[in-house]
Amino acid sequence: MNPSALPFDADTMLNGLRAWVECESPTFDAAAVNRVMDLASRELVIAGARIERVAGRMGYGDCVRATFPHATPNEPGILVMGHMDTVHPIGTLRDLPFKREGNRAWGPGIQDMKGGNYLAIEAIRQLARANVPTKLPVTVLLTSDEEVGSPSTRDLIEAEAARHRYVLVPEPARADGGVVTGRYAIARFNLESTGRPSHAGARLAEGRSAIKEMARKLIEIEDMTTEDCTFSVGVIRGGQWVNCVTTTCTAEALSMARRQEDLDQGVARMLALRATGNDVQFKTTRGVTRPVWEPDGRTMALYAIARDIARGLGYEISPQSAGGGSDGNFTGAMGIPTLDGLGVAGANAHTLDEHIMVDSLAYRGKLMAGLLASLGA
């Protein structure tokens, strides 16, 4: 099957994608995530899938599992896996409205990763319309909490992946158009400082500020960054009244490393942090972790198939290990051949300039179709 002959149309695809982008779906708003899952479910049903809705838990939204008809439905097949939650809160459309200028289109979550999920479903549609059967059965799993480390879905992801021979992840393409064959290990941490309250105007000296203690630890944590292991604090919450010395301050930190042993050392350093004085307290607890995913021979063989398909379409894709976690960390670490970064080309994900290159919907969609049609036992 020659995927270049499939009639992908980027303009038509962008029109369909727009509804997903304009259905804002921040991770922490389960109802919003469920609304975009409704839209995706409809697309999948129209494409011929049987839908199963997996109820969310831990306060997060639902997941969707879609299976497509196949001659051998119980054979280990291909899992296409993506998340529909985004980092953008409800109302971001005011500052980042869906718009198109030339070959670029903007909108919250358009690159990470609604565009990739949409092109994957379009690839399945195109193969069905062309009467091109896949050699292996295809399942699509759309999840709801990837942007916060997949705390409620990791077990679902790993259980589903274990039933498949290959995993394809349409996360955004790398900056040079490459794909991802490995990802760094990531750990999250919850931080809490505790001080002593007082009236900030009348009795300031009697208080001990939890915010001040957190500020000290923030600098200490970020100064631990090396080439082998990085540390950053991305969320801080503290205080309610400006005229009160704050008793409690909480924060969230992230550590990332290329090698698991470096991350393990970083985790140990974080858990060993102590308060700067006896009159305040500081506590670190470990949050969700993504294991390191190192490419093995089977993943690189999967990449080689994708590389040859891309060359047939007239472009190159390089293999890369990448920072920034994805659910591919889990499946790659399980030893299941996994290819990530198969989604749209674009830039500035997680910002108010998040955008895609519109034509990539078609040429990356053809790559996905080629993979789905080519992979066999």
Protein backbone atom coordinates (compact mmCIF):
# COMPACT_ATOMS: atom_id res chain seq x y z
CA MET A 1 0.00 0.00 0.00
CA ASN A 2 1.34 3.40 -1.00
CA PRO A 3 0.20 5.96 1.64
CA SER A 4 1.06 8.84 -0.69
CA ALA A 5 -1.97 7.87 -2.79
CA LEU A 6 -4.40 8.37 0.09
CA PRO A 7 -6.38 11.61 -0.35
CA PHE A 8 -5.56 13.34 2.94
CA ASP A 9 -6.69 16.95 2.82
CA ALA A 10 -5.12 19.22 5.43
CA ASP A 11 -7.75 21.97 5.07
CA THR A 12 -10.60 19.54 5.66
CA MET A 13 -8.77 17.99 8.59
CA LEU A 14 -8.17 21.41 10.16
CA ASN A 15 -11.87 22.18 9.92
CA GLY A 16 -12.65 18.99 11.83
CA LEU A 17 -9.88 19.58 14.36
CA ARG A 18 -11.21 23.05 15.12
CA ALA A 19 -14.16 21.68 17.11
CA TRP A 20 -11.76 19.75 19.34
CA VAL A 21 -9.52 22.76 19.89
CA GLU A 22 -12.44 25.03 20.73
CA CYS A 23 -13.70 22.47 23.24
CA GLU A 24 -11.30 23.46 26.01
CA SER A 25 -10.24 20.51 28.17
CA PRO A 26 -7.85 21.32 31.03
CA THR A 27 -6.83 18.26 33.03
CA PHE A 28 -8.31 19.47 36.30
CA ASP A 29 -11.79 20.04 34.83
CA ALA A 30 -13.22 16.54 34.44
CA ALA A 31 -16.46 17.77 32.88
CA ALA A 32 -14.54 19.73 30.24
CA VAL A 33 -12.35 16.73 29.41
CA ASN A 34 -15.46 14.58 29.12
CA ARG A 35 -16.95 17.03 26.62
CA VAL A 36 -13.99 16.65 24.27
CA MET A 37 -14.09 12.87 24.81
CA ASP A 38 -17.69 13.05 23.56
CA LEU A 39 -16.52 14.73 20.35
CA ALA A 40 -13.73 12.22 19.83
CA SER A 41 -16.06 9.30 20.53
CA ARG A 42 -18.40 10.48 17.82
CA GLU A 43 -15.53 10.68 15.31
CA LEU A 44 -14.40 7.19 16.26
CA VAL A 45 -17.87 5.69 15.93
CA ILE A 46 -18.28 7.26 12.49
CA ALA A 47 -14.88 5.77 11.58
CA GLY A 48 -16.26 2.33 12.43
CA ALA A 49 -15.06 1.76 15.97
CA ARG A 50 -16.78 0.13 18.90
CA ILE A 51 -16.50 2.53 21.84
CA GLU A 52 -15.96 1.74 25.50
CA ARG A 53 -16.07 4.61 27.99
CA VAL A 54 -13.86 4.08 31.03
CA ALA A 55 -15.07 6.14 33.97
CA GLY A 56 -12.57 8.60 35.37
CA ARG A 57 -11.28 8.42 38.92
CA MET A 58 -9.33 10.55 41.39
CA GLY A 59 -11.30 13.55 40.12
CA TYR A 60 -10.09 13.26 36.53
CA GLY A 61 -12.11 12.78 33.35
CA ASP A 62 -13.12 9.63 31.49
CA CYS A 63 -11.03 7.67 29.02
CA VAL A 64 -12.14 6.22 25.70
CA ARG A 65 -11.11 2.85 24.27
CA ALA A 66 -12.01 2.29 20.62
CA THR A 67 -11.58 -0.99 18.78
CA PHE A 68 -11.95 -1.46 15.05
CA PRO A 69 -13.27 -4.49 13.17
CA HIS A 70 -10.62 -7.00 12.17
CA ALA A 71 -10.42 -10.58 10.92
CA THR A 72 -8.42 -11.60 14.01
CA PRO A 73 -9.63 -9.22 16.72
CA ASN A 74 -8.04 -11.14 19.60
CA GLU A 75 -4.54 -11.11 18.14
CA PRO A 76 -2.07 -8.68 19.78
CA GLY A 77 -2.21 -5.62 17.57
CA ILE A 78 -1.43 -1.92 17.36
CA LEU A 79 -2.33 0.50 20.13
CA VAL A 80 -2.63 4.17 19.14
CA MET A 81 -2.44 6.12 22.36
CA GLY A 82 -2.99 9.82 23.08
CA HIS A 83 -4.30 12.22 25.71
CA MET A 84 -7.10 14.74 25.28
CA ASP A 85 -6.39 16.87 28.35
CA THR A 86 -4.42 20.10 28.00
CA VAL A 87 -2.54 22.50 30.28
CA HIS A 88 -4.68 25.46 29.20
CA PRO A 89 -7.43 26.55 31.64
CA ILE A 90 -10.98 27.30 30.56
CA GLY A 91 -11.02 30.78 29.02
CA THR A 92 -7.68 30.46 27.22
CA LEU A 93 -9.55 30.83 23.93
CA ARG A 94 -9.87 34.53 24.73
CA ASP A 95 -6.09 34.94 24.54
CA LEU A 96 -5.32 32.04 22.20
CA PRO A 97 -8.30 31.79 19.85
CA PHE A 98 -8.39 29.28 17.06
CA LYS A 99 -7.07 31.03 13.99
CA ARG A 100 -5.20 30.31 10.79
CA GLU A 101 -2.64 32.39 8.96
CA GLY A 102 -1.16 30.73 5.89
CA ASN A 103 0.29 27.36 6.87
CA ARG A 104 0.00 27.98 10.63
CA ALA A 105 -2.97 27.44 12.92
CA TRP A 106 -3.22 28.35 16.60
CA GLY A 107 -5.31 27.21 19.53
CA PRO A 108 -5.08 25.64 23.00
CA GLY A 109 -3.97 22.04 22.74
CA ILE A 110 -3.78 22.07 18.95
CA GLN A 111 -0.19 20.81 19.00
CA ASP A 112 -0.19 18.95 22.33
CA MET A 113 -1.88 16.81 21.33
CA LYS A 114 -5.30 17.15 19.76
CA GLY A 115 -3.80 17.60 16.31
CA GLY A 116 -1.91 14.31 16.57
CA ASN A 117 -4.94 12.42 17.85
CA TYR A 118 -7.06 13.81 15.03
CA LEU A 119 -4.60 12.81 12.30
CA ALA A 120 -4.38 9.30 13.76
CA ILE A 121 -8.14 8.85 13.51
CA GLU A 122 -8.08 10.32 10.00
CA ALA A 123 -5.41 7.76 9.06
CA ILE A 124 -7.72 4.95 10.18
CA ARG A 125 -10.58 6.53 8.21
CA GLN A 126 -8.48 6.85 5.07
CA LEU A 127 -7.42 3.20 5.18
CA ALA A 128 -11.04 2.10 5.61
CA ARG A 129 -12.24 4.27 2.72
CA ALA A 130 -9.49 2.83 0.50
CA ASN A 131 -10.43 -0.72 1.56
CA VAL A 132 -6.91 -1.30 2.87
CA PRO A 133 -7.08 -3.79 5.75
CA THR A 134 -4.49 -3.58 8.50
CA LYS A 135 -2.47 -6.72 9.13
CA LEU A 136 -3.06 -6.35 12.86
CA PRO A 137 -6.12 -5.18 14.81
CA VAL A 138 -6.05 -1.51 15.83
CA THR A 139 -7.15 -0.01 19.14
CA VAL A 140 -7.23 3.68 20.05
CA LEU A 141 -6.90 4.70 23.71
CA LEU A 142 -7.59 8.34 24.61
CA THR A 143 -6.71 9.34 28.17
CA SER A 144 -7.54 12.23 30.45
CA ASP A 145 -4.64 13.12 32.78
CA GLU A 146 -1.32 12.90 30.92
CA GLU A 147 -0.44 16.52 31.58
CA VAL A 148 -0.19 15.83 35.32
CA GLY A 149 1.75 12.58 34.98
CA SER A 150 -1.13 10.14 34.38
CA PRO A 151 -1.77 9.34 38.07
CA SER A 152 -5.22 7.86 37.42
CA THR A 153 -4.55 6.15 34.09
CA ARG A 154 -1.14 4.50 34.30
CA ASP A 155 -2.64 1.15 35.27
CA LEU A 156 -5.12 1.37 32.38
CA ILE A 157 -2.35 2.32 29.92
CA GLU A 158 -0.05 -0.48 30.99
CA ALA A 159 -2.81 -3.09 31.01
CA GLU A 160 -3.98 -2.10 27.52
CA ALA A 161 -0.45 -1.89 26.12
CA ALA A 162 0.36 -5.36 27.42
CA ARG A 163 -2.30 -6.74 25.05
CA HIS A 164 -0.62 -5.21 22.00
CA ARG A 165 2.40 -5.82 19.83
CA TYR A 166 3.14 -2.17 19.02
CA VAL A 167 2.35 1.25 20.49
CA LEU A 168 2.11 4.41 18.38
CA VAL A 169 1.94 7.77 20.17
CA PRO A 170 0.97 10.86 18.10
CA GLU A 171 2.54 13.36 20.49
CA PRO A 172 3.99 16.41 18.64
CA ALA A 173 6.84 15.86 16.20
CA ARG A 174 10.28 16.99 17.27
CA ALA A 175 11.47 20.41 16.12
CA ASP A 176 13.29 18.93 13.12
CA GLY A 177 10.39 16.61 12.26
CA GLY A 178 11.95 13.63 14.01
CA VAL A 179 10.17 11.02 16.08
CA VAL A 180 10.77 9.87 19.63
CA THR A 181 12.36 6.49 20.38
CA GLY A 182 13.08 7.12 24.06
CA ARG A 183 12.22 9.55 26.85
CA TYR A 184 13.89 10.75 30.02
CA ALA A 185 12.77 9.70 33.47
CA ILE A 186 10.60 12.19 35.37
CA ALA A 187 9.61 12.50 39.03
CA ARG A 188 7.17 14.94 40.61
CA PHE A 189 7.23 16.13 44.20
CA ASN A 190 4.80 17.81 46.58
CA LEU A 191 6.42 20.36 48.90
CA GLU A 192 5.03 21.87 52.09
CA SER A 193 6.49 24.49 54.41
CA THR A 194 4.97 25.36 57.78
CA GLY A 195 5.64 28.53 59.74
CA ARG A 196 4.06 30.36 62.67
CA PRO A 197 1.19 32.82 62.26
CA SER A 198 1.10 36.39 63.51
CA HIS A 199 -0.44 39.73 62.59
CA ALA A 200 1.76 41.06 59.80
CA GLY A 201 1.15 44.66 60.83
CA ALA A 202 1.12 44.61 64.61
CA ARG A 203 3.28 41.57 65.50
CA LEU A 204 5.37 40.75 62.41
CA ALA A 205 8.46 39.69 64.37
CA GLU A 206 6.51 37.02 66.22
CA GLY A 207 5.62 35.18 63.02
CA ARG A 208 7.60 32.82 60.83
CA SER A 209 6.56 32.94 57.17
CA ALA A 210 5.95 29.67 55.37
CA ILE A 211 6.20 31.58 52.09
CA LYS A 212 9.68 32.85 53.01
CA GLU A 213 10.79 29.31 53.84
CA MET A 214 9.40 28.01 50.54
CA ALA A 215 11.24 30.78 48.69
CA ARG A 216 14.51 29.67 50.28
CA LYS A 217 13.89 26.05 49.33
CA LEU A 218 12.85 26.99 45.79
CA ILE A 219 16.26 28.51 45.16
CA GLU A 220 17.99 25.55 46.80
CA ILE A 221 16.04 23.08 44.68
CA GLU A 222 16.59 24.80 41.34
CA ASP A 223 20.29 25.28 42.14
CA MET A 224 20.62 21.47 42.34
CA THR A 225 20.21 21.29 38.55
CA THR A 226 23.08 19.67 36.65
CA GLU A 227 23.53 18.36 33.12
CA ASP A 228 22.51 14.92 34.38
CA CYS A 229 19.42 15.87 36.38
CA THR A 230 17.24 18.98 36.33
CA PHE A 231 15.00 20.43 39.05
CA SER A 232 12.26 23.04 38.76
CA VAL A 233 9.40 24.36 40.88
CA GLY A 234 6.34 25.11 38.79
CA VAL A 235 3.45 25.66 41.20
CA ILE A 236 3.32 27.59 44.50
CA ARG A 237 0.29 28.22 46.71
CA GLY A 238 0.41 30.17 49.95
CA GLY A 239 -1.36 32.79 51.97
CA GLN A 240 -4.87 34.12 52.12
CA TRP A 241 -4.58 37.51 53.86
CA VAL A 242 -1.78 39.98 53.23
CA ASN A 243 -1.97 41.16 56.83
CA CYS A 244 -1.28 37.66 58.20
CA VAL A 245 2.10 35.93 58.32
CA THR A 246 1.45 32.78 56.31
CA THR A 247 1.37 29.50 58.22
CA THR A 248 1.42 27.05 55.29
CA CYS A 249 2.79 27.14 51.77
CA THR A 250 2.68 24.28 49.26
CA ALA A 251 4.45 23.79 45.95
CA GLU A 252 5.04 21.22 43.22
CA ALA A 253 8.44 20.37 41.78
CA LEU A 254 9.66 18.35 38.82
CA SER A 255 12.91 16.50 38.26
CA MET A 256 14.06 14.99 34.96
CA ALA A 257 17.06 12.85 33.99
CA ARG A 258 18.27 10.92 30.97
CA ARG A 259 19.16 7.88 33.07
CA GLN A 260 17.15 6.20 35.79
CA GLU A 261 20.12 6.12 38.16
CA ASP A 262 20.49 9.91 37.86
CA LEU A 263 16.81 10.39 38.61
CA ASP A 264 17.05 8.03 41.59
CA GLN A 265 19.88 10.16 42.98
CA GLY A 266 17.81 13.29 42.34
CA VAL A 267 14.85 11.77 44.17
CA ALA A 268 17.07 10.98 47.14
CA ARG A 269 18.31 14.58 47.24
CA MET A 270 14.77 15.95 47.13
CA LEU A 271 13.55 13.67 49.90
CA ALA A 272 16.53 14.65 52.06
CA LEU A 273 15.65 18.37 52.04
CA ARG A 274 15.17 19.85 55.51
CA ALA A 275 13.95 23.15 56.93
CA THR A 276 16.47 25.96 57.25
CA GLY A 277 15.72 26.47 60.98
CA ASN A 278 14.01 24.93 63.98
CA ASP A 279 11.22 27.52 63.97
CA VAL A 280 9.85 26.38 60.58
CA GLN A 281 9.13 23.01 59.03
CA PHE A 282 9.61 21.66 55.52
CA LYS A 283 8.40 18.38 54.04
CA THR A 284 8.89 16.72 50.63
CA THR A 285 6.73 13.83 49.44
CA ARG A 286 7.14 12.00 46.18
CA GLY A 287 4.43 12.28 43.55
CA VAL A 288 3.95 10.41 40.27
CA THR A 289 6.97 9.14 38.35
CA ARG A 290 7.58 8.31 34.72
CA PRO A 291 10.27 5.63 34.23
CA VAL A 292 13.10 6.17 31.81
CA TRP A 293 12.43 4.70 28.37
CA GLU A 294 15.60 3.67 26.58
CA PRO A 295 15.34 2.54 22.96
CA ASP A 296 15.98 -1.14 22.34
CA GLY A 297 16.39 -3.17 19.18
CA ARG A 298 12.67 -3.73 18.67
CA THR A 299 11.81 -0.06 19.02
CA MET A 300 14.59 0.85 16.60
CA ALA A 301 13.27 -1.76 14.15
CA LEU A 302 9.87 -0.07 14.42
CA TYR A 303 11.55 3.28 13.77
CA ALA A 304 13.27 1.83 10.67
CA ILE A 305 9.87 0.91 9.23
CA ALA A 306 8.61 4.43 9.86
CA ARG A 307 11.77 5.95 8.39
CA ASP A 308 11.34 4.01 5.16
CA ILE A 309 7.67 5.04 4.92
CA ALA A 310 8.61 8.69 5.48
CA ARG A 311 11.31 8.49 2.81
CA GLY A 312 8.74 7.11 0.42
CA LEU A 313 6.66 10.18 1.19
CA GLY A 314 9.61 12.45 0.46
CA TYR A 315 10.94 13.44 3.86
CA GLU A 316 13.26 12.25 6.63
CA ILE A 317 12.54 11.50 10.28
CA SER A 318 15.35 11.14 12.78
CA PRO A 319 15.16 9.03 15.97
CA GLN A 320 15.55 10.98 19.20
CA SER A 321 15.41 10.52 22.93
CA ALA A 322 13.48 13.41 24.42
CA GLY A 323 12.79 15.25 27.62
CA GLY A 324 9.23 16.00 28.55
CA GLY A 325 7.36 12.88 29.51
CA SER A 326 4.58 11.11 27.69
CA ASP A 327 2.63 7.94 28.23
CA GLY A 328 5.16 6.36 25.89
CA ASN A 329 7.49 6.29 28.92
CA PHE A 330 5.33 3.56 30.41
CA THR A 331 4.96 1.37 27.34
CA GLY A 332 8.57 1.81 26.25
CA ALA A 333 9.80 0.91 29.74
CA MET A 334 7.62 -2.22 29.55
CA GLY A 335 9.67 -3.34 26.54
CA ILE A 336 6.81 -2.96 24.06
CA PRO A 337 8.05 -1.51 20.74
CA THR A 338 6.89 2.11 20.97
CA LEU A 339 7.19 5.00 18.54
CA ASP A 340 6.36 8.45 19.90
CA GLY A 341 6.33 11.93 18.39
CA LEU A 342 4.23 10.81 15.42
CA GLY A 343 1.92 13.82 15.62
CA VAL A 344 1.81 17.23 14.01
CA ALA A 345 4.67 19.61 13.36
CA GLY A 346 4.43 22.88 15.24
CA ALA A 347 5.90 24.88 18.09
CA ASN A 348 5.43 26.49 21.50
CA ALA A 349 3.20 23.91 23.15
CA HIS A 350 1.94 24.89 26.61
CA THR A 351 2.15 28.60 25.73
CA LEU A 352 -0.15 31.26 24.27
CA ASP A 353 1.66 30.83 20.94
CA GLU A 354 0.92 27.11 20.58
CA HIS A 355 0.49 26.38 16.89
CA ILE A 356 0.85 23.75 14.19
CA MET A 357 1.93 23.64 10.58
CA VAL A 358 -1.31 22.86 8.80
CA ASP A 359 0.21 20.79 6.01
CA SER A 360 1.68 18.40 8.59
CA LEU A 361 -1.83 17.11 9.30
CA ALA A 362 -1.72 15.47 5.88
CA TYR A 363 1.87 14.34 5.47
CA ARG A 364 2.18 13.10 9.06
CA GLY A 365 -1.24 11.49 8.69
CA LYS A 366 0.08 9.56 5.70
CA LEU A 367 3.00 8.35 7.81
CA MET A 368 0.58 7.09 10.44
CA ALA A 369 -1.54 5.37 7.79
CA GLY A 370 1.54 3.74 6.33
CA LEU A 371 2.54 2.39 9.73
CA LEU A 372 -0.92 1.06 10.52
CA ALA A 373 -1.05 -0.72 7.16
CA SER A 374 2.51 -2.06 7.26
CA LEU A 375 2.96 -3.43 10.76
CA GLY A 376 2.50 -7.16 11.05
CA ALA A 377 3.37 -10.00 13.34
